[in-house]
Amino acid sequence: MRSVAAMFDEMVEATGKFAKKVDEGCEDVNTGVSKYFTLLAKGNRIHEA
C-alpha cells in the first residue's frame, strides 16, 4: 500500500507542476493577445481620425 500512496503522491506533484506550466503559458498568450488588440484599436482610431 505504501508504494501505491507514493505513486499517487508523485502523480499529484507532477500534475500540479504541469498545471502551473500550462497556466503560465496561458498568461503569456493572454498578454500577447491583449497587446495585439490594443495596438489594433490604436491603429483603427488613427485610421478613422
PDB file of N, CA and C in Angstrom:
ATOM      1  N   MET A   1       0.816  -1.197   0.000  1.00  0.00           N
ATOM      2  CA  MET A   1       0.000   0.000   0.000  1.00  0.00           C
ATOM      3  C   MET A   1       0.858   1.258   0.000  1.00  0.00           C
ATOM      4  N   ARG A   2       1.991   1.159   0.630  1.00  0.00           N
ATOM      5  CA  ARG A   2       2.842   2.332   0.732  1.00  0.00           C
ATOM      6  C   ARG A   2       3.329   2.786  -0.640  1.00  0.00           C
ATOM      7  N   SER A   3       3.670   1.839  -1.499  1.00  0.00           N
ATOM      8  CA  SER A   3       4.162   2.198  -2.828  1.00  0.00           C
ATOM      9  C   SER A   3       3.052   2.826  -3.676  1.00  0.00           C
ATOM     10  N   VAL A   4       1.825   2.376  -3.495  1.00  0.00           N
ATOM     11  CA  VAL A   4       0.696   2.953  -4.231  1.00  0.00           C
ATOM     12  C   VAL A   4       0.484   4.398  -3.792  1.00  0.00           C
ATOM     13  N   ALA A   5       0.558   4.643  -2.504  1.00  0.00           N
ATOM     14  CA  ALA A   5       0.396   6.002  -1.989  1.00  0.00           C
ATOM     15  C   ALA A   5       1.513   6.905  -2.499  1.00  0.00           C
ATOM     16  N   ALA A   6       2.731   6.385  -2.534  1.00  0.00           N
ATOM     17  CA  ALA A   6       3.856   7.173  -3.040  1.00  0.00           C
ATOM     18  C   ALA A   6       3.667   7.486  -4.517  1.00  0.00           C
ATOM     19  N   MET A   7       3.153   6.512  -5.270  1.00  0.00           N
ATOM     20  CA  MET A   7       2.913   6.729  -6.690  1.00  0.00           C
ATOM     21  C   MET A   7       1.856   7.817  -6.894  1.00  0.00           C
ATOM     22  N   PHE A   8       0.792   7.773  -6.121  1.00  0.00           N
ATOM     23  CA  PHE A   8      -0.240   8.801  -6.231  1.00  0.00           C
ATOM     24  C   PHE A   8       0.301  10.171  -5.843  1.00  0.00           C
ATOM     25  N   ASP A   9       1.143  10.220  -4.817  1.00  0.00           N
ATOM     26  CA  ASP A   9       1.754  11.491  -4.425  1.00  0.00           C
ATOM     27  C   ASP A   9       2.600  12.067  -5.552  1.00  0.00           C
ATOM     28  N   GLU A  10       3.362  11.216  -6.220  1.00  0.00           N
ATOM     29  CA  GLU A  10       4.182  11.658  -7.349  1.00  0.00           C
ATOM     30  C   GLU A  10       3.306  12.149  -8.499  1.00  0.00           C
ATOM     31  N   MET A  11       2.205  11.441  -8.753  1.00  0.00           N
ATOM     32  CA  MET A  11       1.299  11.860  -9.825  1.00  0.00           C
ATOM     33  C   MET A  11       0.670  13.216  -9.507  1.00  0.00           C
ATOM     34  N   VAL A  12       0.296  13.423  -8.264  1.00  0.00           N
ATOM     35  CA  VAL A  12      -0.289  14.704  -7.860  1.00  0.00           C
ATOM     36  C   VAL A  12       0.733  15.819  -8.031  1.00  0.00           C
ATOM     37  N   GLU A  13       1.965  15.559  -7.639  1.00  0.00           N
ATOM     38  CA  GLU A  13       3.021  16.564  -7.764  1.00  0.00           C
ATOM     39  C   GLU A  13       3.286  16.893  -9.234  1.00  0.00           C
ATOM     40  N   ALA A  14       3.376  15.871 -10.068  1.00  0.00           N
ATOM     41  CA  ALA A  14       3.624  16.083 -11.496  1.00  0.00           C
ATOM     42  C   ALA A  14       2.461  16.829 -12.145  1.00  0.00           C
ATOM     43  N   THR A  15       1.248  16.479 -11.775  1.00  0.00           N
ATOM     44  CA  THR A  15       0.068  17.151 -12.322  1.00  0.00           C
ATOM     45  C   THR A  15       0.056  18.617 -11.907  1.00  0.00           C
ATOM     46  N   GLY A  16       0.416  18.887 -10.673  1.00  0.00           N
ATOM     47  CA  GLY A  16       0.475  20.267 -10.187  1.00  0.00           C
ATOM     48  C   GLY A  16       1.504  21.087 -10.942  1.00  0.00           C
ATOM     49  N   LYS A  17       2.670  20.496 -11.188  1.00  0.00           N
ATOM     50  CA  LYS A  17       3.718  21.196 -11.936  1.00  0.00           C
ATOM     51  C   LYS A  17       3.273  21.457 -13.368  1.00  0.00           C
ATOM     52  N   PHE A  18       2.631  20.463 -13.984  1.00  0.00           N
ATOM     53  CA  PHE A  18       2.145  20.621 -15.350  1.00  0.00           C
ATOM     54  C   PHE A  18       1.080  21.713 -15.418  1.00  0.00           C
ATOM     55  N   ALA A  19       0.173  21.718 -14.461  1.00  0.00           N
ATOM     56  CA  ALA A  19      -0.885  22.731 -14.433  1.00  0.00           C
ATOM     57  C   ALA A  19      -0.288  24.129 -14.282  1.00  0.00           C
ATOM     58  N   LYS A  20       0.755  24.245 -13.489  1.00  0.00           N
ATOM     59  CA  LYS A  20       1.405  25.545 -13.302  1.00  0.00           C
ATOM     60  C   LYS A  20       2.039  26.016 -14.611  1.00  0.00           C
ATOM     61  N   LYS A  21       2.693  25.118 -15.330  1.00  0.00           N
ATOM     62  CA  LYS A  21       3.305  25.474 -16.619  1.00  0.00           C
ATOM     63  C   LYS A  21       2.240  25.890 -17.630  1.00  0.00           C
ATOM     64  N   VAL A  22       1.139  25.157 -17.668  1.00  0.00           N
ATOM     65  CA  VAL A  22       0.052  25.491 -18.591  1.00  0.00           C
ATOM     66  C   VAL A  22      -0.519  26.858 -18.240  1.00  0.00           C
ATOM     67  N   ASP A  23      -0.687  27.125 -16.960  1.00  0.00           N
ATOM     68  CA  ASP A  23      -1.219  28.408 -16.512  1.00  0.00           C
ATOM     69  C   ASP A  23      -0.293  29.550 -16.915  1.00  0.00           C
ATOM     70  N   GLU A  24       1.018  29.348 -16.760  1.00  0.00           N
ATOM     71  CA  GLU A  24       1.987  30.368 -17.172  1.00  0.00           C
ATOM     72  C   GLU A  24       1.904  30.604 -18.676  1.00  0.00           C
ATOM     73  N   GLY A  25       1.767  29.535 -19.438  1.00  0.00           N
ATOM     74  CA  GLY A  25       1.642  29.667 -20.890  1.00  0.00           C
ATOM     75  C   GLY A  25       0.392  30.436 -21.277  1.00  0.00           C
ATOM     76  N   CYS A  26      -0.705  30.158 -20.599  1.00  0.00           N
ATOM     77  CA  CYS A  26      -1.955  30.876 -20.883  1.00  0.00           C
ATOM     78  C   CYS A  26      -1.817  32.356 -20.555  1.00  0.00           C
ATOM     79  N   GLU A  27      -1.145  32.670 -19.465  1.00  0.00           N
ATOM     80  CA  GLU A  27      -0.930  34.071 -19.105  1.00  0.00           C
ATOM     81  C   GLU A  27      -0.108  34.774 -20.175  1.00  0.00           C
ATOM     82  N   ASP A  28       0.915  34.105 -20.695  1.00  0.00           N
ATOM     83  CA  ASP A  28       1.738  34.690 -21.754  1.00  0.00           C
ATOM     84  C   ASP A  28       0.921  34.941 -23.014  1.00  0.00           C
ATOM     85  N   VAL A  29       0.085  33.993 -23.374  1.00  0.00           N
ATOM     86  CA  VAL A  29      -0.764  34.149 -24.562  1.00  0.00           C
ATOM     87  C   VAL A  29      -1.749  35.295 -24.348  1.00  0.00           C
ATOM     88  N   ASN A  30      -2.362  35.357 -23.186  1.00  0.00           N
ATOM     89  CA  ASN A  30      -3.313  36.432 -22.897  1.00  0.00           C
ATOM     90  C   ASN A  30      -2.643  37.797 -22.966  1.00  0.00           C
ATOM     91  N   THR A  31      -1.428  37.897 -22.468  1.00  0.00           N
ATOM     92  CA  THR A  31      -0.695  39.154 -22.525  1.00  0.00           C
ATOM     93  C   THR A  31      -0.424  39.543 -23.971  1.00  0.00           C
ATOM     94  N   GLY A  32       0.014  38.594 -24.768  1.00  0.00           N
ATOM     95  CA  GLY A  32       0.292  38.862 -26.178  1.00  0.00           C
ATOM     96  C   GLY A  32      -0.950  39.274 -26.940  1.00  0.00           C
ATOM     97  N   VAL A  33      -2.049  38.595 -26.704  1.00  0.00           N
ATOM     98  CA  VAL A  33      -3.303  38.925 -27.390  1.00  0.00           C
ATOM     99  C   VAL A  33      -3.791  40.305 -26.962  1.00  0.00           C
ATOM    100  N   SER A  34      -3.666  40.607 -25.695  1.00  0.00           N
ATOM    101  CA  SER A  34      -4.078  41.918 -25.198  1.00  0.00           C
ATOM    102  C   SER A  34      -3.270  43.032 -25.860  1.00  0.00           C
ATOM    103  N   LYS A  35      -1.965  42.833 -25.968  1.00  0.00           N
ATOM    104  CA  LYS A  35      -1.116  43.831 -26.630  1.00  0.00           C
ATOM    105  C   LYS A  35      -1.501  43.982 -28.099  1.00  0.00           C
ATOM    106  N   TYR A  36      -1.793  42.870 -28.764  1.00  0.00           N
ATOM    107  CA  TYR A  36      -2.173  42.907 -30.172  1.00  0.00           C
ATOM    108  C   TYR A  36      -3.451  43.715 -30.368  1.00  0.00           C
ATOM    109  N   PHE A  37      -4.468  43.426 -29.565  1.00  0.00           N
ATOM    110  CA  PHE A  37      -5.736  44.134 -29.732  1.00  0.00           C
ATOM    111  C   PHE A  37      -5.623  45.601 -29.325  1.00  0.00           C
ATOM    112  N   THR A  38      -4.769  45.917 -28.374  1.00  0.00           N
ATOM    113  CA  THR A  38      -4.540  47.315 -28.015  1.00  0.00           C
ATOM    114  C   THR A  38      -3.933  48.056 -29.194  1.00  0.00           C
ATOM    115  N   LEU A  39      -2.924  47.461 -29.819  1.00  0.00           N
ATOM    116  CA  LEU A  39      -2.311  48.092 -30.991  1.00  0.00           C
ATOM    117  C   LEU A  39      -3.288  48.164 -32.158  1.00  0.00           C
ATOM    118  N   LEU A  40      -4.097  47.150 -32.333  1.00  0.00           N
ATOM    119  CA  LEU A  40      -5.093  47.140 -33.396  1.00  0.00           C
ATOM    120  C   LEU A  40      -6.111  48.263 -33.190  1.00  0.00           C
ATOM    121  N   ALA A  41      -6.573  48.441 -31.972  1.00  0.00           N
ATOM    122  CA  ALA A  41      -7.530  49.507 -31.670  1.00  0.00           C
ATOM    123  C   ALA A  41      -6.893  50.876 -31.882  1.00  0.00           C
ATOM    124  N   LYS A  42      -5.639  51.013 -31.482  1.00  0.00           N
ATOM    125  CA  LYS A  42      -4.933  52.284 -31.670  1.00  0.00           C
ATOM    126  C   LYS A  42      -4.812  52.598 -33.159  1.00  0.00           C
ATOM    127  N   GLY A  43      -4.438  51.612 -33.947  1.00  0.00           N
ATOM    128  CA  GLY A  43      -4.333  51.805 -35.391  1.00  0.00           C
ATOM    129  C   GLY A  43      -5.678  52.131 -36.011  1.00  0.00           C
ATOM    130  N   ASN A  44      -6.726  51.516 -35.505  1.00  0.00           N
ATOM    131  CA  ASN A  44      -8.074  51.773 -36.007  1.00  0.00           C
ATOM    132  C   ASN A  44      -8.497  53.211 -35.700  1.00  0.00           C
ATOM    133  N   ARG A  45      -8.179  53.685 -34.500  1.00  0.00           N
ATOM    134  CA  ARG A  45      -8.515  55.074 -34.142  1.00  0.00           C
ATOM    135  C   ARG A  45      -7.758  56.059 -35.017  1.00  0.00           C
ATOM    136  N   ILE A  46      -6.502  55.770 -35.301  1.00  0.00           N
ATOM    137  CA  ILE A  46      -5.699  56.649 -36.157  1.00  0.00           C
ATOM    138  C   ILE A  46      -6.277  56.656 -37.566  1.00  0.00           C
ATOM    139  N   HIS A  47      -6.676  55.499 -38.047  1.00  0.00           N
ATOM    140  CA  HIS A  47      -7.230  55.381 -39.397  1.00  0.00           C
ATOM    141  C   HIS A  47      -8.559  56.132 -39.521  1.00  0.00           C
ATOM    142  N   GLU A  48      -9.376  56.083 -38.471  1.00  0.00           N
ATOM    143  CA  GLU A  48     -10.683  56.736 -38.502  1.00  0.00           C
ATOM    144  C   GLU A  48     -10.586  58.243 -38.319  1.00  0.00           C
ATOM    145  N   ALA A  49      -9.499  58.725 -37.750  1.00  0.00           N
ATOM    146  CA  ALA A  49      -9.366  60.164 -37.471  1.00  0.00           C
ATOM    147  C   ALA A  49      -9.116  60.982 -38.701  1.00  0.00           C
TER     148      ALA A  49
END
